[in-house]
Amino acid sequence: MNDTDDMNNKHSNNDDTGSQRPLTGRIALVAGATRGAGRAQAVELGRAGATVYVTGRTTRTRASEVGRTTETIEETAELVTAAGGTAIAVPTDHLDEDQVRALVQRIDREHGRLDILVNDLWGGEHLLVGSVFGKKSWQTPLADGLRILELGVRSHVITAALLLPLLIRSDAPLHVEVTDGTAHSNRRYRENMYYDLAKTAPIRLAFGLGQELAEYGGTAVAISPGFLRSEQMLAHFGVTEENWRDAIDREPAFAIAESPQYLARTVAALAADPDRAERWNGRSTSSGELAEAYGVRDVDGSRPDAWAYFEDVIHGGKEASPEDYR
């Protein structure tokens, strides 16, 4: 284990001292923090010392169209607090401009600025199996296709447009666009026009915002997890985080899967990097690449690089096992 690995292990143990809470005093917003990578990022940013606003549509009294009542925005805030952070849960539909404007006004009133904006909005998985996978674009019901674009593109644009005036008040603004796939991996068609647009648009959004934020010393970056063991994916395979490997027989590629905490730890490391603008501004990257750069490891001590595995083995025909990419 190298020194950077040791630092990250200490960082994950909720040590309240000095360098282990490098984001103390920073104000963050994780848009789309109800579950999955969004929830994990909120927790890790809070663990690193940030005050974290967490938003989402599912609360203890109302479920979003995703239909999962097992994760709520209030629970996310409680997990941030349990990790030693400060969390403010604000139920928000980021497709509703008035709700997002109210969120902006609240952050402005309470803190006067925003330092870290994580745009992790999605909530369209329920549309994929029946309307996207295995279908040509003209076979996808138009209403479902347009809803995918609303959830994956329009929500991101509204959030960026309304929150960026607060973000540029920071002395080191960080804007993170979370998507599925990197610019390199998404050069391949993502099966369906609507899904392809939804998952490539955030990459271009980060590139463009990187140009605009540069004069403010800011950083905009698009980040993709690999094969994510989200709550929804674990439920799909009928497994839990404890026995997730039982799903490998059904889906061999699941052997390269990573926990949501993996991406979250890399984002927290990125947020704490004073040289991030020079290293990452405008770029598209992945949890695997950031983990290598910052010495981050997943909860099981591995360092999976799913996109390299897909590139080399799944698409490239190389003979190798997922374990070779962990």
Protein backbone atom coordinates (compact mmCIF):
# COMPACT_ATOMS: atom_id res chain seq x y z
CA MET A 1 0.00 0.00 0.00
CA ASN A 2 1.43 3.38 -0.99
CA ASP A 3 1.16 6.63 0.97
CA THR A 4 -1.81 7.84 -1.08
CA ASP A 5 -3.69 4.61 -0.44
CA ASP A 6 -3.00 5.01 3.27
CA MET A 7 -4.30 8.57 3.17
CA ASN A 8 -7.53 7.47 1.52
CA ASN A 9 -8.03 4.64 3.98
CA LYS A 10 -7.70 7.12 6.84
CA HIS A 11 -10.02 9.49 4.99
CA SER A 12 -12.69 6.80 4.84
CA ASN A 13 -12.58 6.22 8.59
CA ASN A 14 -14.23 9.54 9.51
CA ASP A 15 -11.14 10.99 11.19
CA ASP A 16 -12.11 14.54 12.14
CA THR A 17 -8.57 15.86 12.19
CA GLY A 18 -6.96 18.33 9.80
CA SER A 19 -6.10 16.89 6.44
CA GLN A 20 -8.66 14.09 6.76
CA ARG A 21 -11.44 16.67 6.38
CA PRO A 22 -10.03 18.74 3.52
CA LEU A 23 -13.44 20.08 2.46
CA THR A 24 -14.27 21.71 5.79
CA GLY A 25 -15.99 25.02 5.14
CA ARG A 26 -16.94 24.08 1.57
CA ILE A 27 -20.57 24.21 0.44
CA ALA A 28 -21.71 21.43 -1.89
CA LEU A 29 -24.89 20.46 -3.68
CA VAL A 30 -25.49 16.93 -4.91
CA ALA A 31 -28.45 17.12 -7.27
CA GLY A 32 -29.95 13.65 -7.50
CA ALA A 33 -28.79 12.28 -4.14
CA THR A 34 -31.68 9.96 -3.32
CA ARG A 35 -29.78 6.75 -4.06
CA GLY A 36 -26.88 5.18 -5.94
CA ALA A 37 -23.84 7.24 -6.84
CA GLY A 38 -25.56 10.50 -5.90
CA ARG A 39 -26.21 9.33 -2.36
CA ALA A 40 -22.69 7.97 -1.98
CA GLN A 41 -21.13 11.21 -3.25
CA ALA A 42 -23.13 13.23 -0.74
CA VAL A 43 -21.91 10.98 2.07
CA GLU A 44 -18.25 11.15 1.04
CA LEU A 45 -18.29 14.91 0.53
CA GLY A 46 -19.81 15.25 3.98
CA ARG A 47 -17.25 12.87 5.42
CA ALA A 48 -14.55 15.10 3.97
CA GLY A 49 -16.01 18.08 5.84
CA ALA A 50 -18.32 19.78 3.35
CA THR A 51 -21.78 21.07 4.15
CA VAL A 52 -23.91 19.17 1.64
CA TYR A 53 -27.29 20.08 0.24
CA VAL A 54 -28.94 16.90 -1.02
CA THR A 55 -31.84 16.98 -3.44
CA GLY A 56 -34.13 14.46 -5.03
CA ARG A 57 -37.77 13.68 -5.69
CA THR A 58 -38.44 10.74 -3.37
CA THR A 59 -39.23 11.61 0.23
CA ARG A 60 -40.76 9.67 3.10
CA THR A 61 -44.17 10.91 2.01
CA ARG A 62 -43.87 10.93 -1.78
CA ALA A 63 -42.24 8.65 -4.36
CA SER A 64 -40.95 9.74 -7.76
CA GLU A 65 -41.81 7.96 -11.00
CA VAL A 66 -38.85 5.64 -10.34
CA GLY A 67 -41.20 3.90 -7.93
CA ARG A 68 -38.64 3.00 -5.26
CA THR A 69 -39.75 3.95 -1.77
CA THR A 70 -36.83 2.20 -0.07
CA GLU A 71 -34.48 5.19 -0.49
CA THR A 72 -35.41 8.76 0.39
CA ILE A 73 -33.70 12.12 0.39
CA GLU A 74 -34.16 12.37 4.16
CA GLU A 75 -32.34 9.07 4.61
CA THR A 76 -29.47 10.35 2.49
CA ALA A 77 -29.14 13.36 4.78
CA GLU A 78 -29.07 11.07 7.80
CA LEU A 79 -26.29 9.00 6.23
CA VAL A 80 -24.26 12.15 5.61
CA THR A 81 -24.73 13.13 9.25
CA ALA A 82 -23.76 9.63 10.42
CA ALA A 83 -20.54 9.97 8.42
CA GLY A 84 -19.71 13.13 10.36
CA GLY A 85 -20.92 15.62 7.79
CA THR A 86 -23.55 18.35 7.73
CA ALA A 87 -26.49 17.72 5.41
CA ILE A 88 -29.52 19.73 4.35
CA ALA A 89 -32.21 17.74 2.54
CA VAL A 90 -34.24 19.80 0.08
CA PRO A 91 -36.84 17.81 -1.88
CA THR A 92 -36.49 19.15 -5.41
CA ASP A 93 -37.68 18.22 -8.88
CA HIS A 94 -34.92 19.63 -11.07
CA LEU A 95 -37.25 19.76 -14.05
CA ASP A 96 -39.32 22.36 -12.19
CA GLU A 97 -37.58 25.71 -12.63
CA ASP A 98 -39.44 27.30 -9.73
CA GLN A 99 -38.26 24.56 -7.35
CA VAL A 100 -34.66 24.93 -8.52
CA ARG A 101 -34.85 28.73 -8.18
CA ALA A 102 -36.12 28.27 -4.62
CA LEU A 103 -33.15 25.99 -3.94
CA VAL A 104 -30.78 28.64 -5.30
CA GLN A 105 -32.36 31.29 -3.11
CA ARG A 106 -32.03 29.09 -0.04
CA ILE A 107 -28.35 28.33 -0.60
CA ASP A 108 -27.71 32.00 -1.33
CA ARG A 109 -29.53 33.07 1.83
CA GLU A 110 -27.80 30.51 4.04
CA HIS A 111 -24.28 30.58 2.61
CA GLY A 112 -23.99 33.15 -0.16
CA ARG A 113 -22.11 30.85 -2.51
CA LEU A 114 -21.69 27.29 -3.75
CA ASP A 115 -18.28 25.60 -4.05
CA ILE A 116 -19.13 22.17 -5.44
CA LEU A 117 -22.02 21.26 -7.74
CA VAL A 118 -22.54 17.58 -8.51
CA ASN A 119 -25.12 17.13 -11.28
CA ASP A 120 -26.09 13.47 -10.85
CA LEU A 121 -29.67 13.63 -12.08
CA TRP A 122 -31.22 10.70 -13.91
CA GLY A 123 -34.11 8.52 -12.70
CA GLY A 124 -34.86 6.98 -16.10
CA GLU A 125 -33.93 3.33 -15.50
CA HIS A 126 -37.58 2.30 -15.41
CA LEU A 127 -37.92 3.39 -19.06
CA LEU A 128 -35.02 1.38 -20.43
CA VAL A 129 -36.10 -2.26 -20.39
CA GLY A 130 -39.44 -1.76 -22.09
CA SER A 131 -38.74 1.24 -24.28
CA VAL A 132 -35.02 1.37 -25.09
CA PHE A 133 -33.02 -1.84 -24.89
CA GLY A 134 -33.31 -3.89 -28.06
CA LYS A 135 -35.38 -1.26 -29.84
CA LYS A 136 -34.71 1.08 -32.72
CA SER A 137 -35.39 4.70 -31.94
CA TRP A 138 -38.62 4.68 -33.95
CA GLN A 139 -39.80 1.69 -31.93
CA THR A 140 -39.38 3.62 -28.70
CA PRO A 141 -42.62 5.37 -27.72
CA LEU A 142 -42.00 9.03 -28.39
CA ALA A 143 -43.26 10.07 -24.97
CA ASP A 144 -40.77 7.72 -23.30
CA GLY A 145 -37.92 8.92 -25.50
CA LEU A 146 -38.64 12.55 -24.75
CA ARG A 147 -38.92 11.76 -21.04
CA ILE A 148 -35.46 10.21 -21.16
CA LEU A 149 -34.14 13.45 -22.64
CA GLU A 150 -35.91 15.48 -19.97
CA LEU A 151 -34.47 13.36 -17.17
CA GLY A 152 -30.97 13.02 -18.59
CA VAL A 153 -30.42 16.33 -20.39
CA ARG A 154 -32.98 19.03 -19.62
CA SER A 155 -32.70 18.53 -15.85
CA HIS A 156 -28.91 18.91 -16.09
CA VAL A 157 -29.19 22.09 -18.16
CA ILE A 158 -31.73 23.70 -15.82
CA THR A 159 -29.59 22.87 -12.79
CA ALA A 160 -26.40 24.20 -14.33
CA ALA A 161 -28.01 27.36 -15.67
CA LEU A 162 -29.58 28.34 -12.36
CA LEU A 163 -26.81 27.23 -9.96
CA LEU A 164 -23.74 28.47 -11.85
CA PRO A 165 -24.19 32.12 -10.75
CA LEU A 166 -23.78 30.87 -7.17
CA LEU A 167 -20.93 28.55 -8.09
CA ILE A 168 -18.76 31.26 -9.64
CA ARG A 169 -18.76 33.12 -6.31
CA SER A 170 -16.48 30.35 -5.02
CA ASP A 171 -12.72 30.85 -5.10
CA ALA A 172 -12.41 27.42 -6.77
CA PRO A 173 -15.67 26.34 -8.40
CA LEU A 174 -16.13 22.64 -9.16
CA HIS A 175 -18.90 21.39 -11.44
CA VAL A 176 -19.25 17.60 -11.81
CA GLU A 177 -21.46 16.03 -14.46
CA VAL A 178 -22.16 12.37 -13.69
CA THR A 179 -23.13 10.21 -16.65
CA ASP A 180 -22.85 6.68 -18.02
CA GLY A 181 -19.73 6.19 -20.11
CA THR A 182 -16.75 8.32 -20.98
CA ALA A 183 -16.17 10.27 -24.16
CA HIS A 184 -13.96 7.40 -25.30
CA SER A 185 -16.39 4.59 -24.50
CA ASN A 186 -19.39 6.54 -25.77
CA ARG A 187 -17.88 6.91 -29.20
CA ARG A 188 -19.78 3.67 -29.71
CA TYR A 189 -23.53 3.98 -30.17
CA ARG A 190 -25.39 3.43 -26.90
CA GLU A 191 -28.05 1.13 -28.43
CA ASN A 192 -30.79 3.72 -28.79
CA MET A 193 -30.90 7.34 -29.95
CA TYR A 194 -32.58 8.67 -26.82
CA TYR A 195 -30.27 6.91 -24.41
CA ASP A 196 -27.24 7.84 -26.49
CA LEU A 197 -28.18 11.52 -26.38
CA ALA A 198 -28.95 11.41 -22.65
CA LYS A 199 -25.59 9.91 -21.76
CA THR A 200 -23.34 11.84 -24.14
CA ALA A 201 -24.87 15.30 -23.57
CA PRO A 202 -23.44 15.67 -20.02
CA ILE A 203 -19.96 15.04 -21.43
CA ARG A 204 -20.32 17.92 -23.85
CA LEU A 205 -21.92 20.03 -21.11
CA ALA A 206 -18.85 19.58 -18.90
CA PHE A 207 -16.57 20.40 -21.83
CA GLY A 208 -18.40 23.62 -22.58
CA LEU A 209 -18.72 24.69 -18.97
CA GLY A 210 -15.03 24.05 -18.54
CA GLN A 211 -14.39 26.77 -21.10
CA GLU A 212 -16.73 29.18 -19.33
CA LEU A 213 -15.48 28.45 -15.80
CA ALA A 214 -11.80 28.72 -16.65
CA GLU A 215 -11.66 32.48 -16.09
CA TYR A 216 -13.05 31.92 -12.57
CA GLY A 217 -10.41 29.32 -11.73
CA GLY A 218 -13.11 26.69 -12.00
CA THR A 219 -13.23 23.07 -13.06
CA ALA A 220 -15.98 21.25 -14.93
CA VAL A 221 -15.58 17.53 -15.46
CA ALA A 222 -17.76 14.65 -16.64
CA ILE A 223 -17.33 11.49 -14.59
CA SER A 224 -18.69 8.02 -15.19
CA PRO A 225 -18.84 5.10 -12.80
CA GLY A 226 -18.25 1.64 -14.21
CA PHE A 227 -20.71 -1.22 -13.72
CA LEU A 228 -22.38 0.27 -10.67
CA ARG A 229 -23.74 -1.84 -7.83
CA SER A 230 -26.53 0.63 -7.12
CA GLU A 231 -29.51 -0.34 -5.01
CA GLN A 232 -31.57 -0.61 -8.18
CA MET A 233 -29.03 -2.83 -9.94
CA LEU A 234 -28.63 -5.12 -6.94
CA ALA A 235 -32.41 -5.47 -6.77
CA HIS A 236 -32.51 -6.25 -10.49
CA PHE A 237 -30.17 -9.20 -9.95
CA GLY A 238 -31.82 -10.23 -6.70
CA VAL A 239 -28.65 -9.81 -4.62
CA THR A 240 -27.33 -7.50 -1.92
CA GLU A 241 -24.03 -5.71 -1.42
CA GLU A 242 -22.96 -8.59 0.81
CA ASN A 243 -23.55 -11.36 -1.76
CA TRP A 244 -23.36 -9.43 -5.02
CA ARG A 245 -20.97 -11.95 -6.58
CA ASP A 246 -23.83 -14.44 -6.70
CA ALA A 247 -25.10 -12.49 -9.75
CA ILE A 248 -21.96 -13.19 -11.80
CA ASP A 249 -23.28 -16.52 -13.11
CA ARG A 250 -26.25 -14.65 -14.55
CA GLU A 251 -24.19 -11.70 -15.83
CA PRO A 252 -20.46 -12.49 -16.12
CA ALA A 253 -19.52 -8.81 -16.64
CA PHE A 254 -20.89 -8.08 -13.19
CA ALA A 255 -17.58 -9.42 -11.90
CA ILE A 256 -16.09 -6.00 -12.67
CA ALA A 257 -18.86 -4.18 -10.76
CA GLU A 258 -18.02 -1.42 -8.31
CA SER A 259 -19.79 0.05 -5.31
CA PRO A 260 -21.25 3.57 -5.39
CA GLN A 261 -18.68 4.50 -2.73
CA TYR A 262 -15.89 3.99 -5.26
CA LEU A 263 -17.02 6.82 -7.52
CA ALA A 264 -17.86 8.90 -4.45
CA ARG A 265 -14.37 8.55 -3.01
CA THR A 266 -12.83 9.66 -6.30
CA VAL A 267 -15.10 12.72 -6.46
CA ALA A 268 -14.18 13.67 -2.89
CA ALA A 269 -10.49 13.31 -3.80
CA LEU A 270 -11.01 15.45 -6.90
CA ALA A 271 -12.78 18.12 -4.84
CA ALA A 272 -9.85 18.23 -2.42
CA ASP A 273 -7.24 18.56 -5.18
CA PRO A 274 -5.95 22.16 -5.44
CA ASP A 275 -4.57 21.39 -8.91
CA ARG A 276 -7.75 19.88 -10.32
CA ALA A 277 -8.38 22.64 -12.87
CA GLU A 278 -5.05 22.06 -14.57
CA ARG A 279 -5.48 18.29 -14.47
CA TRP A 280 -9.14 17.76 -15.29
CA ASN A 281 -10.98 20.86 -16.51
CA GLY A 282 -13.25 20.10 -19.47
CA ARG A 283 -12.35 16.43 -19.48
CA SER A 284 -14.36 13.25 -19.47
CA THR A 285 -13.07 10.64 -17.04
CA SER A 286 -14.14 7.64 -15.01
CA SER A 287 -14.05 6.33 -11.48
CA GLY A 288 -11.29 3.93 -12.54
CA GLU A 289 -9.07 6.65 -13.99
CA LEU A 290 -9.59 8.98 -11.04
CA ALA A 291 -8.97 6.13 -8.59
CA GLU A 292 -5.62 5.45 -10.23
CA ALA A 293 -4.72 9.14 -10.15
CA TYR A 294 -5.66 9.64 -6.49
CA GLY A 295 -4.85 6.24 -5.01
CA VAL A 296 -8.47 5.52 -4.16
CA ARG A 297 -9.78 1.99 -3.61
CA ASP A 298 -13.24 0.48 -3.49
CA VAL A 299 -14.81 -0.82 -0.29
CA ASP A 300 -13.27 -4.27 -0.84
CA GLY A 301 -9.78 -2.84 -1.35
CA SER A 302 -9.80 -3.36 -5.13
CA ARG A 303 -9.42 -0.75 -7.84
CA PRO A 304 -11.77 -1.78 -10.67
CA ASP A 305 -11.45 -0.20 -14.09
CA ALA A 306 -14.63 -1.32 -15.80
CA TRP A 307 -14.30 0.81 -18.90
CA ALA A 308 -10.82 -0.52 -19.64
CA TYR A 309 -12.18 -4.04 -19.19
CA PHE A 310 -15.07 -3.39 -21.57
CA GLU A 311 -12.72 -1.81 -24.12
CA ASP A 312 -10.10 -4.53 -24.03
CA VAL A 313 -12.08 -7.68 -23.34
CA ILE A 314 -15.75 -7.21 -24.20
CA HIS A 315 -15.18 -5.13 -27.35
CA GLY A 316 -11.54 -5.90 -28.10
CA GLY A 317 -11.56 -9.66 -27.70
CA LYS A 318 -8.58 -9.75 -25.35
CA GLU A 319 -8.34 -12.87 -23.23
CA ALA A 320 -8.40 -11.64 -19.65
CA SER A 321 -10.56 -11.93 -16.58
CA PRO A 322 -12.29 -9.13 -14.68
CA GLU A 323 -9.90 -9.77 -11.81
CA ASP A 324 -7.08 -8.56 -14.07
CA TYR A 325 -8.84 -5.16 -14.07
CA ARG A 326 -9.47 -4.86 -10.35
